[in-house]
Amino acid sequence: MSKLYVVPTPIGNLEDITLRSLRILKEVDFILAEDTRTTGKLLKHYDISKPLVAHHIHNEHKSVARIVDQIKASNGAAIVSDAGTPAISDPGFLLIRTCIENDIEIICLPGPSAIIPAIVGSGFSCDSFVFEGFLPHKKGRQTKWKMLAEEKRSIVLYESPHRLIKALTEIKEYLEEERQICVAREISKIHETYHRGTSTELLAYFTENPPKGEIVIVISAKEKPKKSKHD
């Protein structure tokens, strides 16, 4: 049976890749990459030479049938994103689903993802949490915030630096003022930071210190109403 390996890649520090991931990248016939230049740098760092095939959000629908045929004709292929685990707010889901429909075995390797270090490093409850990825830019964004306002678990979001102020402003508008927020920035990189506080406090800080780099927002769980003596 043909195989597609889903291989997570470092989200910053190049040392954050497993020995198994490196072995698979060396053994497969070709590698599907979100950006061949980015993946090329990773492969060069580890002295791996394999054919790279571009597979990104702009071509995945058009190329998925052809790629499935390539995988069937190979001894195994791998898919990687620029950073982290493919299909998590990155291309990969469509190909994985299509491969399953075509009896291609999917082998998903464990590895780097910004979600886990962000929720653990926030210090908020992580026994149960909800991951929403990137919120809609326009249509449906307000509806999504209203839904999240009632969420009783910790919330993890991805956000770009130029929309962080907008996101914090919306958190202040839709969620309780005392709700604790953690903005994790550049996880695993040299300038990794965790800023914690209320939406008001973080708005003040990031207005004065415009953020750069990859950002994960963690919102603490909604506190349960305190029971009165009469309950």
Protein backbone atom coordinates (compact mmCIF):
# COMPACT_ATOMS: atom_id res chain seq x y z
CA MET A 1 0.00 0.00 0.00
CA SER A 2 1.23 3.52 -0.84
CA LYS A 3 1.98 5.78 2.12
CA LEU A 4 1.81 9.48 2.89
CA TYR A 5 3.78 10.59 5.93
CA VAL A 6 2.55 13.75 7.68
CA VAL A 7 5.75 15.23 9.10
CA PRO A 8 5.74 18.14 11.57
CA THR A 9 8.63 20.60 11.17
CA PRO A 10 10.15 23.06 13.67
CA ILE A 11 8.11 26.17 14.45
CA GLY A 12 11.30 28.08 15.18
CA ASN A 13 14.26 26.28 16.64
CA LEU A 14 15.61 23.83 14.06
CA GLU A 15 16.53 21.41 16.85
CA ASP A 16 12.82 20.80 17.48
CA ILE A 17 12.50 17.95 15.00
CA THR A 18 12.41 14.28 15.89
CA LEU A 19 14.93 11.67 14.76
CA ARG A 20 12.07 9.75 13.21
CA SER A 21 10.98 12.78 11.17
CA LEU A 22 14.51 13.18 9.81
CA ARG A 23 14.66 9.50 8.91
CA ILE A 24 11.34 9.63 7.06
CA LEU A 25 12.37 12.74 5.10
CA LYS A 26 15.49 10.88 4.00
CA GLU A 27 13.60 7.73 2.98
CA VAL A 28 10.57 9.03 1.04
CA ASP A 29 10.64 9.47 -2.73
CA PHE A 30 9.53 13.11 -2.63
CA ILE A 31 8.32 15.80 -0.22
CA LEU A 32 5.24 18.00 -0.58
CA ALA A 33 6.05 21.44 0.77
CA GLU A 34 3.96 24.53 1.51
CA ASP A 35 6.94 26.67 0.46
CA THR A 36 9.78 24.82 -1.25
CA ARG A 37 12.26 27.56 -0.30
CA THR A 38 11.48 27.28 3.41
CA THR A 39 11.59 23.48 3.36
CA GLY A 40 14.74 23.61 1.25
CA LYS A 41 16.53 25.48 4.04
CA LEU A 42 15.48 22.84 6.58
CA LEU A 43 16.63 19.99 4.35
CA LYS A 44 19.93 21.71 3.64
CA HIS A 45 20.51 22.17 7.38
CA TYR A 46 20.16 18.41 7.88
CA ASP A 47 21.93 17.47 4.64
CA ILE A 48 18.83 15.89 3.10
CA SER A 49 18.41 15.91 -0.67
CA LYS A 50 14.94 15.02 -1.94
CA PRO A 51 12.67 16.29 -4.75
CA LEU A 52 10.29 18.99 -3.50
CA VAL A 53 6.77 19.46 -4.87
CA ALA A 54 4.89 22.68 -4.10
CA HIS A 55 1.60 22.01 -2.30
CA HIS A 56 -0.01 25.12 -0.86
CA ILE A 57 -3.35 26.84 -0.37
CA HIS A 58 -3.30 28.34 -3.87
CA ASN A 59 -2.86 25.09 -5.79
CA GLU A 60 -4.06 22.26 -3.55
CA HIS A 61 -7.52 21.89 -5.13
CA LYS A 62 -6.11 21.82 -8.66
CA SER A 63 -3.19 19.53 -7.94
CA VAL A 64 -4.58 17.01 -5.43
CA ALA A 65 -5.60 14.39 -8.04
CA ARG A 66 -2.19 14.53 -9.73
CA ILE A 67 -0.37 14.31 -6.40
CA VAL A 68 -2.42 11.28 -5.33
CA ASP A 69 -1.36 9.54 -8.55
CA GLN A 70 2.27 10.43 -7.80
CA ILE A 71 1.99 8.98 -4.30
CA LYS A 72 0.44 5.77 -5.63
CA ALA A 73 3.36 5.37 -8.03
CA SER A 74 5.95 5.98 -5.30
CA ASN A 75 7.40 4.04 -2.39
CA GLY A 76 6.20 6.78 -0.04
CA ALA A 77 5.87 10.56 0.14
CA ALA A 78 5.88 13.13 2.93
CA ILE A 79 3.95 16.34 3.41
CA VAL A 80 5.31 19.23 5.47
CA SER A 81 4.19 22.79 6.13
CA ASP A 82 6.46 25.79 6.66
CA ALA A 83 6.28 25.21 10.41
CA GLY A 84 4.42 22.86 12.72
CA THR A 85 2.02 20.09 11.78
CA PRO A 86 0.40 20.06 8.30
CA ALA A 87 -3.39 20.54 8.17
CA ILE A 88 -3.46 22.55 11.44
CA SER A 89 -4.30 26.00 10.01
CA ASP A 90 -2.07 24.97 7.09
CA PRO A 91 -2.56 23.02 3.84
CA GLY A 92 -2.82 19.27 4.14
CA PHE A 93 -6.38 18.35 5.12
CA LEU A 94 -7.69 18.06 1.55
CA LEU A 95 -4.79 15.85 0.46
CA ILE A 96 -4.99 13.64 3.55
CA ARG A 97 -8.73 13.11 3.07
CA THR A 98 -8.30 12.35 -0.63
CA CYS A 99 -5.49 9.89 0.09
CA ILE A 100 -7.71 8.04 2.57
CA GLU A 101 -10.44 7.85 -0.08
CA ASN A 102 -7.86 6.32 -2.44
CA ASP A 103 -6.62 3.69 0.03
CA ILE A 104 -3.32 5.44 0.64
CA GLU A 105 -2.07 4.82 4.17
CA ILE A 106 -1.67 7.95 6.30
CA ILE A 107 1.09 7.93 8.90
CA CYS A 108 1.03 11.06 11.04
CA LEU A 109 4.17 11.67 13.06
CA PRO A 110 4.03 13.53 16.39
CA GLY A 111 5.99 16.73 16.62
CA PRO A 112 6.06 20.52 16.88
CA SER A 113 2.88 22.57 17.13
CA ALA A 114 2.43 26.03 18.67
CA ILE A 115 -0.85 25.06 20.35
CA ILE A 116 0.54 22.92 23.17
CA PRO A 117 3.43 25.11 24.39
CA ALA A 118 1.11 28.14 24.26
CA ILE A 119 -1.66 26.64 26.42
CA VAL A 120 0.79 25.04 28.87
CA GLY A 121 3.01 28.13 29.07
CA SER A 122 0.01 30.40 29.65
CA GLY A 123 -0.51 28.94 33.10
CA PHE A 124 -4.24 28.64 32.42
CA SER A 125 -6.28 25.46 32.83
CA CYS A 126 -5.34 23.04 30.06
CA ASP A 127 -7.19 19.88 31.13
CA SER A 128 -9.76 20.88 28.54
CA PHE A 129 -9.49 23.64 25.95
CA VAL A 130 -10.83 24.65 22.54
CA PHE A 131 -8.63 25.53 19.55
CA GLU A 132 -10.16 27.91 17.00
CA GLY A 133 -7.17 28.58 14.73
CA PHE A 134 -7.47 31.89 12.86
CA LEU A 135 -10.81 33.66 13.32
CA PRO A 136 -12.64 34.86 10.19
CA HIS A 137 -11.25 38.20 9.06
CA LYS A 138 -14.66 39.75 8.36
CA LYS A 139 -17.79 37.67 7.71
CA GLY A 140 -18.75 35.60 10.73
CA ARG A 141 -16.17 37.14 13.06
CA GLN A 142 -18.72 38.82 15.34
CA THR A 143 -20.78 35.64 15.53
CA LYS A 144 -17.68 33.66 16.44
CA TRP A 145 -16.80 36.05 19.30
CA LYS A 146 -20.33 35.82 20.69
CA MET A 147 -20.03 32.04 20.68
CA LEU A 148 -16.59 32.12 22.33
CA ALA A 149 -17.90 34.48 25.01
CA GLU A 150 -19.98 31.57 26.33
CA GLU A 151 -17.17 29.01 26.06
CA LYS A 152 -16.36 27.53 29.48
CA ARG A 153 -12.96 26.10 28.48
CA SER A 154 -9.68 27.86 27.84
CA ILE A 155 -9.49 29.16 24.26
CA VAL A 156 -6.49 29.05 21.94
CA LEU A 157 -6.34 31.25 18.83
CA TYR A 158 -3.78 31.99 16.14
CA GLU A 159 -3.36 35.63 15.14
CA SER A 160 -1.10 37.73 12.94
CA PRO A 161 0.83 40.60 14.54
CA HIS A 162 -0.97 43.31 12.57
CA ARG A 163 -4.38 42.06 13.79
CA LEU A 164 -3.44 41.53 17.45
CA ILE A 165 -4.74 44.94 18.57
CA LYS A 166 -8.03 44.26 16.80
CA ALA A 167 -8.33 40.86 18.48
CA LEU A 168 -7.57 42.25 21.95
CA THR A 169 -10.09 45.05 21.39
CA GLU A 170 -12.74 42.48 20.49
CA ILE A 171 -11.87 40.35 23.52
CA LYS A 172 -12.40 43.44 25.68
CA GLU A 173 -15.75 44.06 23.97
CA TYR A 174 -17.18 40.54 24.06
CA LEU A 175 -15.62 38.90 27.13
CA GLU A 176 -15.50 39.77 30.81
CA GLU A 177 -13.08 42.54 31.74
CA GLU A 178 -11.32 40.39 34.34
CA ARG A 179 -10.74 37.47 31.94
CA GLN A 180 -7.02 36.67 31.82
CA ILE A 181 -5.26 36.62 28.46
CA CYS A 182 -1.84 35.31 27.43
CA VAL A 183 -0.15 36.42 24.21
CA ALA A 184 2.58 33.92 23.31
CA ARG A 185 4.95 35.23 20.66
CA GLU A 186 7.71 33.57 18.63
CA ILE A 187 7.45 30.23 20.47
CA SER A 188 10.76 28.30 20.46
CA LYS A 189 12.61 31.18 18.81
CA ILE A 190 15.25 33.52 20.27
CA HIS A 191 12.75 36.28 21.05
CA GLU A 192 10.07 34.03 22.59
CA THR A 193 7.83 35.95 25.01
CA TYR A 194 4.69 35.36 27.05
CA HIS A 195 2.67 38.41 28.05
CA ARG A 196 -0.17 37.85 30.52
CA GLY A 197 -2.87 40.16 31.80
CA THR A 198 -6.35 41.46 31.08
CA SER A 199 -7.34 42.66 27.62
CA THR A 200 -7.02 46.26 28.86
CA GLU A 201 -3.50 45.68 30.17
CA LEU A 202 -2.35 43.89 27.04
CA LEU A 203 -3.91 46.50 24.77
CA ALA A 204 -1.93 49.19 26.55
CA TYR A 205 1.30 47.21 26.27
CA PHE A 206 1.04 46.20 22.62
CA THR A 207 -0.15 49.65 21.56
CA GLU A 208 3.15 50.98 22.92
CA ASN A 209 5.12 47.93 21.72
CA PRO A 210 3.81 46.79 18.31
CA PRO A 211 4.28 43.01 18.08
CA LYS A 212 6.22 41.09 15.45
CA GLY A 213 6.39 37.41 14.59
CA GLU A 214 4.07 34.45 15.06
CA ILE A 215 1.41 34.90 17.76
CA VAL A 216 -0.86 32.58 19.76
CA ILE A 217 -3.57 34.04 21.99
CA VAL A 218 -4.74 32.01 24.98
CA ILE A 219 -7.87 33.09 26.85
CA SER A 220 -8.53 31.71 30.32
CA ALA A 221 -11.65 29.69 30.97
CA LYS A 222 -14.86 31.48 31.88
CA GLU A 223 -15.22 31.44 35.64
CA LYS A 224 -18.24 29.69 37.07
CA PRO A 225 -20.68 31.98 38.85
CA LYS A 226 -20.21 31.90 42.60
CA LYS A 227 -23.10 30.29 44.44
CA SER A 228 -24.94 32.48 46.85
CA LYS A 229 -25.63 31.40 50.41
CA HIS A 230 -29.24 30.77 49.41
CA ASP A 231 -28.37 28.27 46.62
